[in-house]
Amino acid sequence: MPIPGSGLAKGLAVTLRTMTRRSVTAQYPEVQPELPPRTRGVIGLFEENCTVCMLCARECPDWCIYIDSHKETVPAATPGGRERSRNVLDRFAIDFALCMYCGICIEVCPFDALFWSPEFEYAETDIHELTHERDKLREWMWTVPEPPALDPAAEEPKEIAAARKTAEKLAAQAQEKAEEKPQEKPQEKEDDA
């Protein structure tokens, strides 16, 4: 049969033993955490790459990406060419109150306009202020870390290897054509003196 109050005595003993030790807790606001390189914080927008293809908004399972655009006519690049139309981005906003940080929008973007930023301090007092417009998303783009360096022992990507082979083949053909052409000698002028 346990002695009454023995549990309390054991708890107090643990408290007294650990009370004199130094705390190892890092206090968050004063000490910033060291984040892993691929931390998912917020989504940064590289606006120059955005073609308003709407893939990110269509694939978002939460429908938290809002895009507005208009068409502009671009004059012909060459005389006699035809005019072209292109989409111009008017609004790009993400509602981080709805976003579940799945990253589907970043993966489906064919033009690398969206990136993960490790920025995580964007709390707001009002939930309506969690819809961040393109200006704020562009600011976060500059906090995106550079991609990690390629492993020197890694295999070269197939696309780059194929492009290198094609370039080498074209260079060899051009060199063969240059060697086949006879060297033209300048004709000597005869003096009629």
N, C-alpha and C. Protein backbone atom coordinates (compact mmCIF):
# COMPACT_ATOMS: atom_id res chain seq x y z
N MET A 1 0.84 -1.16 0.00
CA MET A 1 0.00 0.00 0.00
C MET A 1 0.89 1.24 0.00
N PRO A 2 0.64 2.17 -0.97
CA PRO A 2 1.50 3.35 -1.05
C PRO A 2 1.25 4.30 0.11
N ILE A 3 2.28 4.99 0.47
CA ILE A 3 2.21 5.95 1.57
C ILE A 3 1.47 7.19 1.04
N PRO A 4 0.51 7.70 1.81
CA PRO A 4 -0.22 8.89 1.34
C PRO A 4 0.74 10.07 1.17
N GLY A 5 0.62 10.76 0.02
CA GLY A 5 1.44 11.93 -0.26
C GLY A 5 2.78 11.61 -0.88
N SER A 6 3.07 10.32 -1.19
CA SER A 6 4.37 9.96 -1.78
C SER A 6 4.49 10.51 -3.21
N GLY A 7 3.38 10.55 -3.94
CA GLY A 7 3.40 11.11 -5.31
C GLY A 7 3.74 12.58 -5.30
N LEU A 8 3.19 13.30 -4.32
CA LEU A 8 3.47 14.72 -4.19
C LEU A 8 4.94 14.94 -3.86
N ALA A 9 5.48 14.09 -2.98
CA ALA A 9 6.89 14.22 -2.60
C ALA A 9 7.80 13.95 -3.79
N LYS A 10 7.46 12.94 -4.63
CA LYS A 10 8.27 12.64 -5.82
C LYS A 10 8.23 13.82 -6.80
N GLY A 11 7.05 14.41 -6.99
CA GLY A 11 6.92 15.56 -7.89
C GLY A 11 7.73 16.75 -7.41
N LEU A 12 7.69 17.02 -6.12
CA LEU A 12 8.46 18.12 -5.57
C LEU A 12 9.96 17.87 -5.68
N ALA A 13 10.38 16.62 -5.55
CA ALA A 13 11.79 16.28 -5.68
C ALA A 13 12.28 16.56 -7.10
N VAL A 14 11.47 16.20 -8.09
CA VAL A 14 11.83 16.49 -9.49
C VAL A 14 11.89 18.00 -9.72
N THR A 15 10.94 18.74 -9.19
CA THR A 15 10.92 20.20 -9.33
C THR A 15 12.17 20.81 -8.71
N LEU A 16 12.53 20.40 -7.51
CA LEU A 16 13.72 20.95 -6.84
C LEU A 16 14.99 20.59 -7.60
N ARG A 17 15.05 19.39 -8.14
CA ARG A 17 16.25 18.96 -8.86
C ARG A 17 16.44 19.76 -10.15
N THR A 18 15.36 20.03 -10.88
CA THR A 18 15.47 20.73 -12.16
C THR A 18 15.41 22.25 -12.02
N MET A 19 15.03 22.74 -10.86
CA MET A 19 14.89 24.18 -10.65
C MET A 19 16.24 24.90 -10.71
N THR A 20 17.29 24.25 -10.35
CA THR A 20 18.61 24.89 -10.32
C THR A 20 19.35 24.78 -11.66
N ARG A 21 18.86 23.98 -12.57
CA ARG A 21 19.53 23.83 -13.87
C ARG A 21 19.16 25.00 -14.79
N ARG A 22 20.07 25.27 -15.73
CA ARG A 22 19.83 26.35 -16.69
C ARG A 22 18.81 25.90 -17.73
N SER A 23 17.91 26.77 -18.11
CA SER A 23 16.87 26.45 -19.09
C SER A 23 17.48 26.43 -20.49
N VAL A 24 17.02 25.51 -21.34
CA VAL A 24 17.51 25.41 -22.71
C VAL A 24 16.46 25.89 -23.71
N THR A 25 15.39 26.47 -23.23
CA THR A 25 14.32 26.95 -24.10
C THR A 25 14.78 28.23 -24.80
N ALA A 26 14.63 28.26 -26.11
CA ALA A 26 14.94 29.47 -26.88
C ALA A 26 13.68 30.30 -26.96
N GLN A 27 13.73 31.50 -26.45
CA GLN A 27 12.56 32.37 -26.47
C GLN A 27 12.40 32.95 -27.87
N TYR A 28 11.26 32.67 -28.51
CA TYR A 28 11.06 32.97 -29.93
C TYR A 28 11.28 34.41 -30.36
N PRO A 29 10.64 35.40 -29.80
CA PRO A 29 10.84 36.72 -30.42
C PRO A 29 12.28 37.22 -30.35
N GLU A 30 12.98 36.88 -29.25
CA GLU A 30 14.36 37.34 -29.12
C GLU A 30 15.31 36.49 -29.94
N VAL A 31 15.06 35.19 -30.01
CA VAL A 31 15.94 34.27 -30.74
C VAL A 31 15.16 33.72 -31.93
N GLN A 32 15.63 34.06 -33.13
CA GLN A 32 14.96 33.57 -34.33
C GLN A 32 15.34 32.11 -34.57
N PRO A 33 14.38 31.27 -34.95
CA PRO A 33 14.70 29.86 -35.18
C PRO A 33 15.51 29.69 -36.46
N GLU A 34 16.36 28.67 -36.46
CA GLU A 34 17.13 28.36 -37.66
C GLU A 34 16.29 27.38 -38.48
N LEU A 35 15.80 27.86 -39.61
CA LEU A 35 14.86 27.08 -40.41
C LEU A 35 15.59 26.18 -41.41
N PRO A 36 15.02 25.02 -41.72
CA PRO A 36 15.60 24.18 -42.76
C PRO A 36 15.55 24.91 -44.10
N PRO A 37 16.41 24.54 -45.05
CA PRO A 37 16.49 25.28 -46.31
C PRO A 37 15.21 25.27 -47.13
N ARG A 38 14.40 24.23 -47.04
CA ARG A 38 13.20 24.15 -47.87
C ARG A 38 11.93 24.36 -47.05
N THR A 39 11.97 25.30 -46.12
CA THR A 39 10.83 25.58 -45.27
C THR A 39 9.69 26.16 -46.09
N ARG A 40 8.47 25.72 -45.77
CA ARG A 40 7.29 26.26 -46.43
C ARG A 40 6.71 27.36 -45.56
N GLY A 41 6.98 28.59 -45.90
CA GLY A 41 6.44 29.71 -45.16
C GLY A 41 5.27 30.30 -45.92
N VAL A 42 5.55 31.27 -46.77
CA VAL A 42 4.52 31.87 -47.62
C VAL A 42 4.94 31.70 -49.08
N ILE A 43 4.06 32.09 -49.96
CA ILE A 43 4.32 31.94 -51.39
C ILE A 43 4.74 33.30 -51.94
N GLY A 44 5.88 33.33 -52.61
CA GLY A 44 6.38 34.55 -53.23
C GLY A 44 6.06 34.54 -54.71
N LEU A 45 5.76 35.70 -55.29
CA LEU A 45 5.40 35.84 -56.69
C LEU A 45 6.50 36.56 -57.45
N PHE A 46 7.02 35.90 -58.49
CA PHE A 46 7.97 36.53 -59.41
C PHE A 46 7.14 36.99 -60.61
N GLU A 47 6.64 38.22 -60.50
CA GLU A 47 5.62 38.73 -61.41
C GLU A 47 6.06 38.74 -62.88
N GLU A 48 7.33 38.94 -63.14
CA GLU A 48 7.81 39.01 -64.52
C GLU A 48 7.61 37.68 -65.26
N ASN A 49 7.59 36.57 -64.52
CA ASN A 49 7.41 35.26 -65.16
C ASN A 49 5.95 34.87 -65.33
N CYS A 50 5.04 35.58 -64.68
CA CYS A 50 3.62 35.21 -64.72
C CYS A 50 3.02 35.58 -66.07
N THR A 51 2.40 34.60 -66.75
CA THR A 51 1.75 34.81 -68.04
C THR A 51 0.24 34.79 -67.92
N VAL A 52 -0.27 34.76 -66.71
CA VAL A 52 -1.71 34.73 -66.42
C VAL A 52 -2.35 33.51 -67.10
N CYS A 53 -1.70 32.37 -66.99
CA CYS A 53 -2.24 31.15 -67.57
C CYS A 53 -3.33 30.55 -66.70
N MET A 54 -3.43 31.00 -65.45
CA MET A 54 -4.48 30.60 -64.50
C MET A 54 -4.36 29.16 -64.01
N LEU A 55 -3.28 28.46 -64.31
CA LEU A 55 -3.14 27.08 -63.85
C LEU A 55 -3.12 27.00 -62.33
N CYS A 56 -2.43 27.92 -61.68
CA CYS A 56 -2.34 27.87 -60.22
C CYS A 56 -3.71 28.03 -59.59
N ALA A 57 -4.52 28.96 -60.11
CA ALA A 57 -5.85 29.20 -59.54
C ALA A 57 -6.78 28.01 -59.80
N ARG A 58 -6.65 27.40 -60.98
CA ARG A 58 -7.52 26.26 -61.31
C ARG A 58 -7.18 25.02 -60.51
N GLU A 59 -5.90 24.82 -60.22
CA GLU A 59 -5.47 23.61 -59.53
C GLU A 59 -5.54 23.73 -58.01
N CYS A 60 -5.71 24.92 -57.49
CA CYS A 60 -5.74 25.12 -56.04
C CYS A 60 -6.96 24.42 -55.44
N PRO A 61 -6.75 23.47 -54.52
CA PRO A 61 -7.89 22.76 -53.93
C PRO A 61 -8.74 23.64 -53.02
N ASP A 62 -8.19 24.74 -52.52
CA ASP A 62 -8.94 25.63 -51.63
C ASP A 62 -9.51 26.84 -52.33
N TRP A 63 -9.19 27.03 -53.59
CA TRP A 63 -9.63 28.19 -54.36
C TRP A 63 -9.27 29.49 -53.63
N CYS A 64 -8.02 29.57 -53.20
CA CYS A 64 -7.61 30.75 -52.43
C CYS A 64 -6.74 31.71 -53.25
N ILE A 65 -6.58 31.45 -54.55
CA ILE A 65 -5.79 32.32 -55.42
C ILE A 65 -6.75 33.11 -56.31
N TYR A 66 -6.61 34.43 -56.30
CA TYR A 66 -7.48 35.29 -57.08
C TYR A 66 -6.65 36.03 -58.12
N ILE A 67 -7.00 35.85 -59.40
CA ILE A 67 -6.25 36.46 -60.49
C ILE A 67 -7.22 37.23 -61.38
N ASP A 68 -6.87 38.47 -61.69
CA ASP A 68 -7.61 39.28 -62.65
C ASP A 68 -6.62 39.75 -63.70
N SER A 69 -7.07 39.81 -64.95
CA SER A 69 -6.19 40.26 -66.03
C SER A 69 -7.01 40.90 -67.13
N HIS A 70 -6.33 41.52 -68.05
CA HIS A 70 -6.97 42.03 -69.26
C HIS A 70 -6.05 41.77 -70.44
N LYS A 71 -6.62 41.83 -71.64
CA LYS A 71 -5.83 41.59 -72.85
C LYS A 71 -5.36 42.91 -73.43
N GLU A 72 -4.12 42.90 -73.91
CA GLU A 72 -3.54 44.05 -74.59
C GLU A 72 -3.08 43.59 -75.96
N THR A 73 -3.18 44.48 -76.92
CA THR A 73 -2.72 44.17 -78.26
C THR A 73 -1.27 44.63 -78.38
N VAL A 74 -0.43 43.73 -78.84
CA VAL A 74 0.98 44.04 -79.03
C VAL A 74 1.20 44.25 -80.53
N PRO A 75 1.83 45.37 -80.92
CA PRO A 75 2.04 45.61 -82.35
C PRO A 75 2.94 44.54 -82.97
N ALA A 76 2.86 44.44 -84.26
CA ALA A 76 3.66 43.44 -84.98
C ALA A 76 5.14 43.69 -84.78
N ALA A 77 5.88 42.61 -84.61
CA ALA A 77 7.33 42.73 -84.38
C ALA A 77 8.07 43.07 -85.65
N THR A 78 7.56 42.60 -86.78
CA THR A 78 8.20 42.88 -88.07
C THR A 78 7.18 43.54 -89.00
N PRO A 79 7.64 44.31 -89.96
CA PRO A 79 6.69 44.92 -90.90
C PRO A 79 5.95 43.82 -91.67
N GLY A 80 4.67 43.98 -91.79
CA GLY A 80 3.86 42.98 -92.48
C GLY A 80 3.40 41.86 -91.58
N GLY A 81 3.87 41.83 -90.34
CA GLY A 81 3.46 40.80 -89.39
C GLY A 81 2.10 41.14 -88.81
N ARG A 82 1.55 40.25 -88.06
CA ARG A 82 0.24 40.50 -87.49
C ARG A 82 0.36 40.89 -86.02
N GLU A 83 -0.64 41.61 -85.57
CA GLU A 83 -0.67 42.00 -84.17
C GLU A 83 -1.00 40.79 -83.32
N ARG A 84 -0.50 40.81 -82.12
CA ARG A 84 -0.76 39.72 -81.18
C ARG A 84 -1.42 40.29 -79.94
N SER A 85 -2.12 39.43 -79.22
CA SER A 85 -2.69 39.87 -77.95
C SER A 85 -2.04 39.07 -76.83
N ARG A 86 -1.90 39.72 -75.69
CA ARG A 86 -1.30 39.04 -74.54
C ARG A 86 -2.05 39.44 -73.29
N ASN A 87 -2.03 38.56 -72.31
CA ASN A 87 -2.68 38.83 -71.03
C ASN A 87 -1.76 39.68 -70.17
N VAL A 88 -2.34 40.66 -69.49
CA VAL A 88 -1.60 41.52 -68.58
C VAL A 88 -2.21 41.33 -67.19
N LEU A 89 -1.36 41.08 -66.22
CA LEU A 89 -1.79 40.81 -64.85
C LEU A 89 -2.27 42.10 -64.18
N ASP A 90 -3.53 42.09 -63.70
CA ASP A 90 -4.06 43.22 -62.96
C ASP A 90 -4.04 42.95 -61.45
N ARG A 91 -4.41 41.74 -61.07
CA ARG A 91 -4.46 41.39 -59.65
C ARG A 91 -4.03 39.95 -59.47
N PHE A 92 -3.17 39.74 -58.49
CA PHE A 92 -2.78 38.38 -58.08
C PHE A 92 -2.78 38.41 -56.56
N ALA A 93 -3.68 37.66 -55.96
CA ALA A 93 -3.80 37.66 -54.50
C ALA A 93 -3.96 36.24 -54.01
N ILE A 94 -3.43 35.98 -52.82
CA ILE A 94 -3.58 34.68 -52.17
C ILE A 94 -4.17 34.93 -50.79
N ASP A 95 -5.23 34.19 -50.48
CA ASP A 95 -5.87 34.29 -49.16
C ASP A 95 -5.23 33.24 -48.26
N PHE A 96 -4.31 33.68 -47.41
CA PHE A 96 -3.60 32.74 -46.54
C PHE A 96 -4.46 32.26 -45.38
N ALA A 97 -5.66 32.81 -45.22
CA ALA A 97 -6.59 32.27 -44.23
C ALA A 97 -7.19 30.96 -44.75
N LEU A 98 -7.23 30.80 -46.08
CA LEU A 98 -7.75 29.57 -46.68
C LEU A 98 -6.66 28.60 -47.10
N CYS A 99 -5.49 29.13 -47.44
CA CYS A 99 -4.39 28.31 -47.98
C CYS A 99 -3.99 27.21 -47.00
N MET A 100 -3.80 26.00 -47.54
CA MET A 100 -3.37 24.90 -46.68
C MET A 100 -1.91 24.52 -46.95
N TYR A 101 -1.19 25.36 -47.70
CA TYR A 101 0.25 25.21 -47.93
C TYR A 101 0.60 23.87 -48.56
N CYS A 102 -0.22 23.42 -49.49
CA CYS A 102 0.04 22.13 -50.15
C CYS A 102 1.12 22.27 -51.21
N GLY A 103 1.27 23.44 -51.81
CA GLY A 103 2.31 23.67 -52.81
C GLY A 103 1.93 23.25 -54.21
N ILE A 104 0.68 22.89 -54.44
CA ILE A 104 0.27 22.47 -55.78
C ILE A 104 0.42 23.63 -56.77
N CYS A 105 0.09 24.84 -56.34
CA CYS A 105 0.20 25.99 -57.24
C CYS A 105 1.64 26.21 -57.70
N ILE A 106 2.58 25.97 -56.82
CA ILE A 106 3.99 26.17 -57.16
C ILE A 106 4.46 25.09 -58.13
N GLU A 107 3.98 23.87 -57.93
CA GLU A 107 4.41 22.76 -58.79
C GLU A 107 3.81 22.84 -60.18
N VAL A 108 2.57 23.33 -60.32
CA VAL A 108 1.93 23.35 -61.63
C VAL A 108 2.32 24.57 -62.45
N CYS A 109 2.92 25.58 -61.84
CA CYS A 109 3.28 26.79 -62.59
C CYS A 109 4.34 26.45 -63.64
N PRO A 110 4.00 26.55 -64.93
CA PRO A 110 4.97 26.16 -65.96
C PRO A 110 6.06 27.20 -66.20
N PHE A 111 5.92 28.39 -65.63
CA PHE A 111 6.87 29.46 -65.92
C PHE A 111 7.67 29.90 -64.69
N ASP A 112 7.63 29.11 -63.62
CA ASP A 112 8.37 29.42 -62.39
C ASP A 112 8.09 30.83 -61.90
N ALA A 113 6.81 31.13 -61.69
CA ALA A 113 6.43 32.45 -61.17
C ALA A 113 6.14 32.40 -59.68
N LEU A 114 5.97 31.20 -59.11
CA LEU A 114 5.66 31.06 -57.69
C LEU A 114 6.75 30.27 -56.99
N PHE A 115 7.12 30.71 -55.79
CA PHE A 115 8.19 30.06 -55.03
C PHE A 115 7.81 30.03 -53.55
N TRP A 116 8.38 29.08 -52.83
CA TRP A 116 8.24 29.03 -51.37
C TRP A 116 9.22 30.01 -50.76
N SER A 117 8.73 30.82 -49.86
CA SER A 117 9.58 31.71 -49.08
C SER A 117 9.59 31.20 -47.65
N PRO A 118 10.71 31.23 -46.95
CA PRO A 118 10.73 30.77 -45.56
C PRO A 118 10.11 31.78 -44.59
N GLU A 119 9.62 32.89 -45.09
CA GLU A 119 9.01 33.91 -44.23
C GLU A 119 7.76 33.35 -43.58
N PHE A 120 7.68 33.44 -42.26
CA PHE A 120 6.52 32.89 -41.56
C PHE A 120 5.88 33.89 -40.61
N GLU A 121 6.45 35.07 -40.50
CA GLU A 121 5.91 36.08 -39.59
C GLU A 121 5.00 37.03 -40.36
N TYR A 122 3.78 36.62 -40.58
CA TYR A 122 2.84 37.47 -41.30
C TYR A 122 1.46 37.42 -40.67
N ALA A 123 1.43 37.27 -39.36
CA ALA A 123 0.16 37.22 -38.64
C ALA A 123 -0.53 38.58 -38.71
N GLU A 124 -1.85 38.56 -38.73
CA GLU A 124 -2.65 39.77 -38.77
C GLU A 124 -3.69 39.72 -37.66
N THR A 125 -4.16 40.87 -37.25
CA THR A 125 -5.19 40.91 -36.21
C THR A 125 -6.58 40.68 -36.79
N ASP A 126 -6.76 40.95 -38.08
CA ASP A 126 -8.05 40.74 -38.74
C ASP A 126 -7.88 39.68 -39.82
N ILE A 127 -8.78 38.73 -39.87
CA ILE A 127 -8.67 37.62 -40.84
C ILE A 127 -8.76 38.12 -42.28
N HIS A 128 -9.43 39.23 -42.50
CA HIS A 128 -9.56 39.77 -43.86
C HIS A 128 -8.24 40.33 -44.38
N GLU A 129 -7.33 40.63 -43.50
CA GLU A 129 -6.03 41.16 -43.91
C GLU A 129 -5.05 40.05 -44.30
N LEU A 130 -5.46 38.80 -44.19
CA LEU A 130 -4.60 37.69 -44.60
C LEU A 130 -4.66 37.44 -46.11
N THR A 131 -5.47 38.19 -46.83
CA THR A 131 -5.46 38.14 -48.29
C THR A 131 -4.39 39.11 -48.75
N HIS A 132 -3.28 38.57 -49.20
CA HIS A 132 -2.14 39.40 -49.59
C HIS A 132 -2.12 39.59 -51.10
N GLU A 133 -2.00 40.84 -51.50
CA GLU A 133 -1.99 41.20 -52.92
C GLU A 133 -0.59 41.03 -53.50
N ARG A 134 -0.47 41.27 -54.80
CA ARG A 134 0.78 40.98 -55.50
C ARG A 134 1.96 41.80 -55.01
N ASP A 135 1.73 43.01 -54.48
CA ASP A 135 2.84 43.81 -53.97
C ASP A 135 3.51 43.11 -52.79
N LYS A 136 2.71 42.58 -51.88
CA LYS A 136 3.25 41.87 -50.72
C LYS A 136 3.90 40.56 -51.15
N LEU A 137 3.27 39.86 -52.11
CA LEU A 137 3.84 38.60 -52.60
C LEU A 137 5.17 38.84 -53.31
N ARG A 138 5.29 39.98 -54.00
CA ARG A 138 6.54 40.33 -54.66
C ARG A 138 7.63 40.62 -53.64
N GLU A 139 7.28 41.26 -52.52
CA GLU A 139 8.26 41.52 -51.45
C GLU A 139 8.81 40.22 -50.90
N TRP A 140 7.96 39.21 -50.73
CA TRP A 140 8.42 37.93 -50.20
C TRP A 140 9.31 37.18 -51.18
N MET A 141 9.23 37.54 -52.45
CA MET A 141 10.07 36.86 -53.44
C MET A 141 11.55 37.06 -53.13
N TRP A 142 11.90 38.20 -52.54
CA TRP A 142 13.31 38.48 -52.27
C TRP A 142 13.81 37.74 -51.04
N THR A 143 12.93 37.06 -50.30
CA THR A 143 13.37 36.25 -49.17
C THR A 143 13.54 34.78 -49.56
N VAL A 144 13.24 34.46 -50.81
CA VAL A 144 13.37 33.07 -51.28
C VAL A 144 14.85 32.73 -51.40
N PRO A 145 15.29 31.64 -50.76
CA PRO A 145 16.71 31.28 -50.86
C PRO A 145 17.04 30.73 -52.24
N GLU A 146 18.30 30.81 -52.59
CA GLU A 146 18.74 30.26 -53.87
C GLU A 146 18.62 28.75 -53.82
N PRO A 147 18.40 28.12 -54.99
CA PRO A 147 18.30 26.66 -54.98
C PRO A 147 19.63 26.04 -54.56
N PRO A 148 19.59 24.86 -53.95
CA PRO A 148 20.85 24.23 -53.53
C PRO A 148 21.71 23.88 -54.74
N ALA A 149 23.00 23.88 -54.53
CA ALA A 149 23.93 23.57 -55.60
C ALA A 149 23.76 22.11 -56.03
N LEU A 150 24.00 21.87 -57.30
CA LEU A 150 23.89 20.51 -57.80
C LEU A 150 25.03 19.66 -57.26
N ASP A 151 24.73 18.41 -57.02
CA ASP A 151 25.74 17.47 -56.56
C ASP A 151 26.69 17.19 -57.72
N PRO A 152 28.01 17.38 -57.53
CA PRO A 152 28.94 17.17 -58.64
C PRO A 152 28.94 15.73 -59.15
N ALA A 153 28.55 14.79 -58.31
CA ALA A 153 28.53 13.39 -58.73
C ALA A 153 27.19 12.99 -59.36
N ALA A 154 26.24 13.93 -59.40
CA ALA A 154 24.91 13.62 -59.94
C ALA A 154 24.96 13.47 -61.45
N GLU A 155 24.04 12.70 -61.96
CA GLU A 155 23.93 12.49 -63.40
C GLU A 155 23.35 13.75 -64.03
N GLU A 156 23.84 14.09 -65.20
CA GLU A 156 23.36 15.27 -65.90
C GLU A 156 21.91 15.06 -66.34
N PRO A 157 21.05 16.08 -66.24
CA PRO A 157 19.67 15.91 -66.68
C PRO A 157 19.60 15.53 -68.16
N LYS A 158 18.61 14.72 -68.51
CA LYS A 158 18.49 14.21 -69.88
C LYS A 158 18.31 15.33 -70.89
N GLU A 159 17.57 16.37 -70.52
CA GLU A 159 17.32 17.47 -71.44
C GLU A 159 18.62 18.20 -71.78
N ILE A 160 19.45 18.43 -70.76
CA ILE A 160 20.71 19.13 -70.99
C ILE A 160 21.67 18.26 -71.79
N ALA A 161 21.69 16.96 -71.50
CA ALA A 161 22.55 16.05 -72.25
C ALA A 161 22.14 16.01 -73.72
N ALA A 162 20.84 15.96 -74.00
CA ALA A 162 20.35 15.93 -75.38
C ALA A 162 20.69 17.24 -76.09
N ALA A 163 20.53 18.37 -75.41
CA ALA A 163 20.86 19.66 -76.01
C ALA A 163 22.36 19.77 -76.28
N ARG A 164 23.18 19.25 -75.36
CA ARG A 164 24.63 19.29 -75.57
C ARG A 164 25.03 18.44 -76.77
N LYS A 165 24.43 17.25 -76.92
CA LYS A 165 24.74 16.38 -78.07
C LYS A 165 24.36 17.06 -79.38
N THR A 166 23.20 17.69 -79.41
CA THR A 166 22.75 18.38 -80.62
C THR A 166 23.69 19.53 -80.96
N ALA A 167 24.10 20.30 -79.95
CA ALA A 167 25.01 21.42 -80.19
C ALA A 167 26.36 20.93 -80.69
N GLU A 168 26.86 19.85 -80.12
CA GLU A 168 28.15 19.29 -80.58
C GLU A 168 28.04 18.78 -82.00
N LYS A 169 26.92 18.15 -82.33
CA LYS A 169 26.71 17.62 -83.68
C LYS A 169 26.66 18.77 -84.70
N LEU A 170 25.93 19.84 -84.38
CA LEU A 170 25.86 20.99 -85.28
C LEU A 170 27.21 21.67 -85.44
N ALA A 171 27.97 21.75 -84.36
CA ALA A 171 29.30 22.36 -84.42
C ALA A 171 30.23 21.52 -85.29
N ALA A 172 30.14 20.20 -85.18
CA ALA A 172 30.97 19.31 -86.01
C ALA A 172 30.61 19.45 -87.48
N GLN A 173 29.30 19.54 -87.79
CA GLN A 173 28.87 19.71 -89.18
C GLN A 173 29.36 21.03 -89.74
N ALA A 174 29.28 22.09 -88.96
CA ALA A 174 29.75 23.40 -89.41
C ALA A 174 31.26 23.38 -89.66
N GLN A 175 31.99 22.67 -88.82
CA GLN A 175 33.44 22.59 -88.99
C GLN A 175 33.79 21.80 -90.25
N GLU A 176 33.05 20.72 -90.51
CA GLU A 176 33.29 19.93 -91.72
C GLU A 176 33.03 20.75 -92.97
N LYS A 177 31.96 21.54 -92.98
CA LYS A 177 31.66 22.39 -94.12
C LYS A 177 32.76 23.42 -94.32
N ALA A 178 33.28 23.95 -93.23
CA ALA A 178 34.34 24.95 -93.33
C ALA A 178 35.61 24.33 -93.91
N GLU A 179 35.89 23.08 -93.57
CA GLU A 179 37.09 22.40 -94.07
C GLU A 179 36.93 21.99 -95.53
N GLU A 180 35.69 21.68 -95.96
CA GLU A 180 35.45 21.25 -97.33
C GLU A 180 35.62 22.40 -98.32
N LYS A 181 35.28 23.60 -97.94
CA LYS A 181 35.42 24.75 -98.83
C LYS A 181 36.90 25.00 -99.07
N PRO A 182 37.28 25.08 -100.34
CA PRO A 182 38.70 25.39 -100.61
C PRO A 182 39.01 26.82 -100.21
N GLN A 183 40.19 26.96 -99.73
CA GLN A 183 40.64 28.28 -99.31
C GLN A 183 40.81 29.14 -100.57
N GLU A 184 40.11 30.25 -100.60
CA GLU A 184 40.22 31.16 -101.75
C GLU A 184 41.48 31.98 -101.62
N LYS A 185 42.29 31.95 -102.70
CA LYS A 185 43.54 32.72 -102.69
C LYS A 185 43.31 34.03 -103.41
N PRO A 186 43.84 35.09 -102.90
CA PRO A 186 43.70 36.37 -103.58
C PRO A 186 44.48 36.36 -104.90
N GLN A 187 43.84 36.85 -105.95
CA GLN A 187 44.50 36.85 -107.26
C GLN A 187 45.53 37.97 -107.29
N GLU A 188 46.67 37.62 -107.92
CA GLU A 188 47.76 38.58 -108.00
C GLU A 188 47.55 39.49 -109.21
N LYS A 189 47.75 40.76 -109.01
CA LYS A 189 47.59 41.71 -110.10
C LYS A 189 48.91 41.81 -110.86
N GLU A 190 48.77 41.84 -112.16
CA GLU A 190 49.98 41.95 -112.99
C GLU A 190 50.17 43.41 -113.38
N ASP A 191 51.39 43.84 -113.31
CA ASP A 191 51.70 45.21 -113.68
C ASP A 191 51.95 45.28 -115.18
N ASP A 192 51.37 46.26 -115.82
CA ASP A 192 51.55 46.45 -117.26
C ASP A 192 52.59 47.57 -117.49
N ALA A 193 53.66 47.53 -116.86
CA ALA A 193 54.64 48.58 -117.02
C ALA A 193 55.69 48.23 -118.01
